[in-house]
Protein backbone atom coordinates (compact mmCIF):
# COMPACT_ATOMS: atom_id res chain seq x y z
CA LYS A 1 -17.96 20.80 14.42
CA GLY A 2 -15.02 18.31 14.06
CA ALA A 3 -11.84 19.49 12.47
CA THR A 4 -10.95 17.50 9.32
CA ALA A 5 -7.17 16.59 8.54
CA ASP A 6 -7.09 19.35 5.93
CA SER A 7 -8.21 22.06 8.61
CA LEU A 8 -5.57 21.00 11.29
CA PRO A 9 -2.50 22.67 11.83
CA PRO A 10 0.77 20.92 10.16
CA LEU A 11 2.66 18.64 12.16
CA CYS A 12 5.87 19.23 10.04
CA CYS A 13 7.34 20.52 7.15
CA VAL A 14 8.77 19.08 4.30
CA GLY A 15 12.51 19.59 4.92
CA ASP A 16 12.49 19.10 8.32
CA THR A 17 15.18 17.34 10.00
CA ILE A 18 14.28 14.68 12.85
CA ASP A 19 16.40 11.98 14.53
CA LEU A 20 15.44 8.22 14.19
CA ASP A 21 16.68 7.81 17.71
CA SER A 22 14.45 10.47 19.39
CA LEU A 23 11.62 10.81 17.08
CA PRO A 24 9.61 14.31 17.71
CA LYS A 25 6.59 13.73 19.95
CA ARG A 26 4.56 15.98 17.98
CA LEU A 27 4.53 13.39 15.22
CA PHE A 28 5.09 10.22 17.12
CA PRO A 29 3.77 10.92 20.66
CA GLU A 30 3.97 7.15 21.52
CA GLU A 31 6.89 4.67 21.50
CA ALA A 32 5.40 2.43 18.85
CA ALA A 33 6.25 4.16 15.77
CA THR A 34 8.13 2.14 13.19
CA VAL A 35 10.76 2.93 11.17
CA PHE A 36 10.96 0.83 7.99
CA PRO A 37 14.33 1.39 5.38
CA LEU A 38 13.37 1.79 1.73
CA LYS A 39 15.24 0.07 -0.99
CA ASN A 40 18.18 2.18 -2.30
CA ASN A 41 18.41 2.97 -6.15
CA SER A 42 20.79 4.39 -8.28
CA SER A 43 19.07 7.61 -8.54
CA ASN A 44 18.85 8.76 -4.92
CA ASN A 45 22.75 9.65 -4.75
CA GLY A 46 23.91 7.39 -1.80
CA GLN A 47 20.88 8.31 0.28
CA GLN A 48 18.98 5.83 2.54
CA GLN A 49 15.14 6.37 2.60
CA PHE A 50 12.77 5.52 5.37
CA VAL A 51 9.18 5.38 6.09
CA ILE A 52 8.18 6.05 9.63
CA VAL A 53 4.99 4.93 10.67
CA GLY A 54 2.97 5.88 13.86
CA THR A 55 -0.64 6.16 15.25
CA ILE A 56 -0.61 9.84 14.00
CA ALA A 57 1.34 10.49 10.94
CA ILE A 58 3.30 8.46 8.53
CA VAL A 59 6.44 10.17 7.18
CA THR A 60 9.09 9.56 4.32
CA ALA A 61 12.49 10.86 5.40
CA SER A 62 15.99 10.37 3.67
CA SER A 63 19.46 10.64 5.10
CA ASP A 64 22.90 11.53 3.06
CA ALA A 65 25.34 8.78 3.25
CA GLY A 66 27.86 10.57 5.45
CA SER A 67 25.16 11.12 8.06
CA ASN A 68 25.34 7.68 9.63
CA GLY A 69 21.64 7.46 8.61
CA ARG A 70 20.36 8.56 12.04
CA LYS A 71 19.46 12.44 11.13
CA VAL A 72 16.74 12.37 8.36
CA ASP A 73 15.01 14.95 6.61
CA ILE A 74 11.46 14.80 5.92
CA THR A 75 10.55 14.18 2.24
CA TRP A 76 6.65 13.84 2.77
CA TRP A 77 4.27 13.28 5.42
CA CYS A 78 0.50 12.88 6.05
CA ARG A 79 -1.60 12.22 8.91
CA ARG A 80 -2.54 8.49 9.49
CA SER A 81 -6.32 9.74 9.35
CA THR A 82 -5.96 10.67 5.53
CA ILE A 83 -4.67 7.25 4.42
CA ARG A 84 -7.32 5.20 2.65
CA THR A 85 -5.47 2.12 1.58
CA LEU A 86 -1.96 0.24 1.21
CA THR A 87 -1.68 -1.80 -1.82
CA LEU A 88 1.13 -4.44 -2.00
CA ASN A 89 2.57 -5.15 -5.54
CA VAL A 90 2.36 -8.86 -6.90
CA GLU A 91 6.27 -9.36 -5.91
CA ALA A 92 5.89 -7.71 -2.39
CA THR A 93 8.77 -5.35 -3.34
CA GLY A 94 6.49 -2.14 -3.43
CA ALA A 95 3.23 -0.79 -2.34
CA THR A 96 1.24 2.34 -3.40
CA LEU A 97 -0.25 4.41 -0.29
CA ALA A 98 -3.41 5.94 -1.39
CA HIS A 99 -4.37 8.97 0.75
CA ALA A 100 -6.74 12.08 0.80
CA ASN A 101 -4.71 14.11 -1.78
CA GLY A 102 -3.32 11.38 -3.96
CA ARG A 103 -0.84 8.57 -4.20
CA MET A 104 2.75 7.75 -2.71
CA PRO A 105 4.74 4.75 -4.37
CA LEU A 106 7.21 3.16 -1.89
CA ILE A 107 9.80 0.58 -2.83
CA PHE A 108 10.89 -1.99 -0.27
């Protein structure tokens, strides 16, 4: 029997710290991972937020203003295989990522 995404062991945990200059191979085994900064808003207290997209996982992460932005804490993640759709809003300033366990809004 093939394993489903829900039955696979976790790749990481919310709160794990990763380095954007040296992404962990268990999440991003190839060099093709792409890091997208997300728009800052007044409610995130100076934190910079990112979406990191690879062939195995998609991760959202944030960094404190004083950390120079390269060390980030994982705020959400999912396996790429559980992504169903990515829908851009009309203004192309945000999107909704639909996955097997719900939806994740992203603001660019």
